[in-house]
């Protein structure tokens, strides 16, 4: 499973979803889905823009974690 660390990064940088929406061309709904980890897909251009705005790498924003098969 792919985990999005947007909520953690925003907390560390003391930013809000609105700050990213205002500073990028990304739609608030896209950012909210990433923040809540409900997004099913995202454009690579959006990932690039988000990483540039947050000054982070793709590996910091997303990580692969093992799923519990219980």
C-alpha atoms as a PDB file:
ATOM      1  CA  UNK A   1       0.000   0.000   0.000  1.00  0.00           C
ATOM      2  CA  UNK A   2       1.206   3.522  -0.743  1.00  0.00           C
ATOM      3  CA  UNK A   3       1.005   5.974   2.160  1.00  0.00           C
ATOM      4  CA  UNK A   4       0.914   9.719   1.597  1.00  0.00           C
ATOM      5  CA  UNK A   5       2.735  11.749   4.243  1.00  0.00           C
ATOM      6  CA  UNK A   6       1.124  15.066   3.314  1.00  0.00           C
ATOM      7  CA  UNK A   7      -0.614  15.490   6.683  1.00  0.00           C
ATOM      8  CA  UNK A   8       2.650  14.916   8.560  1.00  0.00           C
ATOM      9  CA  UNK A   9       4.597  17.281   6.312  1.00  0.00           C
ATOM     10  CA  UNK A  10       1.965  20.001   6.647  1.00  0.00           C
ATOM     11  CA  UNK A  11       2.049  19.638  10.425  1.00  0.00           C
ATOM     12  CA  UNK A  12       5.836  19.898  10.509  1.00  0.00           C
ATOM     13  CA  UNK A  13       5.833  22.974   8.259  1.00  0.00           C
ATOM     14  CA  UNK A  14       2.775  24.484   9.976  1.00  0.00           C
ATOM     15  CA  UNK A  15       0.938  24.779   6.666  1.00  0.00           C
ATOM     16  CA  UNK A  16      -2.693  24.260   5.705  1.00  0.00           C
ATOM     17  CA  UNK A  17      -4.248  22.756   2.609  1.00  0.00           C
ATOM     18  CA  UNK A  18      -5.384  26.268   1.678  1.00  0.00           C
ATOM     19  CA  UNK A  19      -1.754  27.453   1.699  1.00  0.00           C
ATOM     20  CA  UNK A  20      -0.851  24.834  -0.912  1.00  0.00           C
ATOM     21  CA  UNK A  21      -3.985  25.483  -2.975  1.00  0.00           C
ATOM     22  CA  UNK A  22      -3.189  29.208  -3.038  1.00  0.00           C
ATOM     23  CA  UNK A  23       0.489  28.656  -3.841  1.00  0.00           C
ATOM     24  CA  UNK A  24       0.032  26.081  -6.605  1.00  0.00           C
ATOM     25  CA  UNK A  25      -2.380  25.220  -9.394  1.00  0.00           C
ATOM     26  CA  UNK A  26      -3.556  22.135  -7.474  1.00  0.00           C
ATOM     27  CA  UNK A  27      -7.241  21.903  -6.647  1.00  0.00           C
ATOM     28  CA  UNK A  28      -8.261  21.785  -2.997  1.00  0.00           C
ATOM     29  CA  UNK A  29     -10.180  18.509  -3.561  1.00  0.00           C
ATOM     30  CA  UNK A  30      -7.010  16.824  -4.835  1.00  0.00           C
ATOM     31  CA  UNK A  31      -5.045  18.027  -1.834  1.00  0.00           C
ATOM     32  CA  UNK A  32      -7.754  16.946   0.605  1.00  0.00           C
ATOM     33  CA  UNK A  33      -7.844  13.448  -0.904  1.00  0.00           C
ATOM     34  CA  UNK A  34      -4.073  13.175  -0.513  1.00  0.00           C
ATOM     35  CA  UNK A  35      -4.216  14.574   3.029  1.00  0.00           C
ATOM     36  CA  UNK A  36      -6.889  12.035   4.044  1.00  0.00           C
ATOM     37  CA  UNK A  37      -5.181   9.239   2.077  1.00  0.00           C
ATOM     38  CA  UNK A  38      -8.310   8.561   0.051  1.00  0.00           C
ATOM     39  CA  UNK A  39      -6.841   9.447  -3.357  1.00  0.00           C
ATOM     40  CA  UNK A  40      -6.922   6.608  -5.886  1.00  0.00           C
ATOM     41  CA  UNK A  41      -4.666   8.260  -8.450  1.00  0.00           C
ATOM     42  CA  UNK A  42      -2.702  11.463  -8.983  1.00  0.00           C
ATOM     43  CA  UNK A  43      -1.040  13.016 -12.000  1.00  0.00           C
ATOM     44  CA  UNK A  44       2.756  13.047 -11.996  1.00  0.00           C
ATOM     45  CA  UNK A  45       2.697  16.761 -12.766  1.00  0.00           C
ATOM     46  CA  UNK A  46       0.697  17.295  -9.550  1.00  0.00           C
ATOM     47  CA  UNK A  47       3.218  15.256  -7.552  1.00  0.00           C
ATOM     48  CA  UNK A  48       6.031  17.323  -9.053  1.00  0.00           C
ATOM     49  CA  UNK A  49       4.304  20.617  -8.251  1.00  0.00           C
ATOM     50  CA  UNK A  50       3.516  19.490  -4.711  1.00  0.00           C
ATOM     51  CA  UNK A  51       7.095  18.366  -4.068  1.00  0.00           C
ATOM     52  CA  UNK A  52       8.439  21.647  -5.442  1.00  0.00           C
ATOM     53  CA  UNK A  53       6.105  23.708  -3.239  1.00  0.00           C
ATOM     54  CA  UNK A  54       6.908  21.663  -0.113  1.00  0.00           C
ATOM     55  CA  UNK A  55      10.618  21.395  -0.977  1.00  0.00           C
ATOM     56  CA  UNK A  56      10.568  17.623  -0.501  1.00  0.00           C
ATOM     57  CA  UNK A  57      11.289  14.524  -2.533  1.00  0.00           C
ATOM     58  CA  UNK A  58       8.739  12.046  -3.853  1.00  0.00           C
ATOM     59  CA  UNK A  59      10.115   9.529  -1.331  1.00  0.00           C
ATOM     60  CA  UNK A  60       9.374  11.905   1.524  1.00  0.00           C
ATOM     61  CA  UNK A  61       5.840  12.542   0.285  1.00  0.00           C
ATOM     62  CA  UNK A  62       4.965   8.910  -0.503  1.00  0.00           C
ATOM     63  CA  UNK A  63       6.136   5.627   0.971  1.00  0.00           C
ATOM     64  CA  UNK A  64       5.259   1.997   0.437  1.00  0.00           C
ATOM     65  CA  UNK A  65       4.148   0.105   3.541  1.00  0.00           C
ATOM     66  CA  UNK A  66       3.144  -3.492   4.008  1.00  0.00           C
ATOM     67  CA  UNK A  67      -0.571  -4.124   4.424  1.00  0.00           C
ATOM     68  CA  UNK A  68      -1.866  -6.172   7.329  1.00  0.00           C
ATOM     69  CA  UNK A  69      -3.613  -9.208   5.839  1.00  0.00           C
ATOM     70  CA  UNK A  70      -5.556 -10.021   8.977  1.00  0.00           C
END
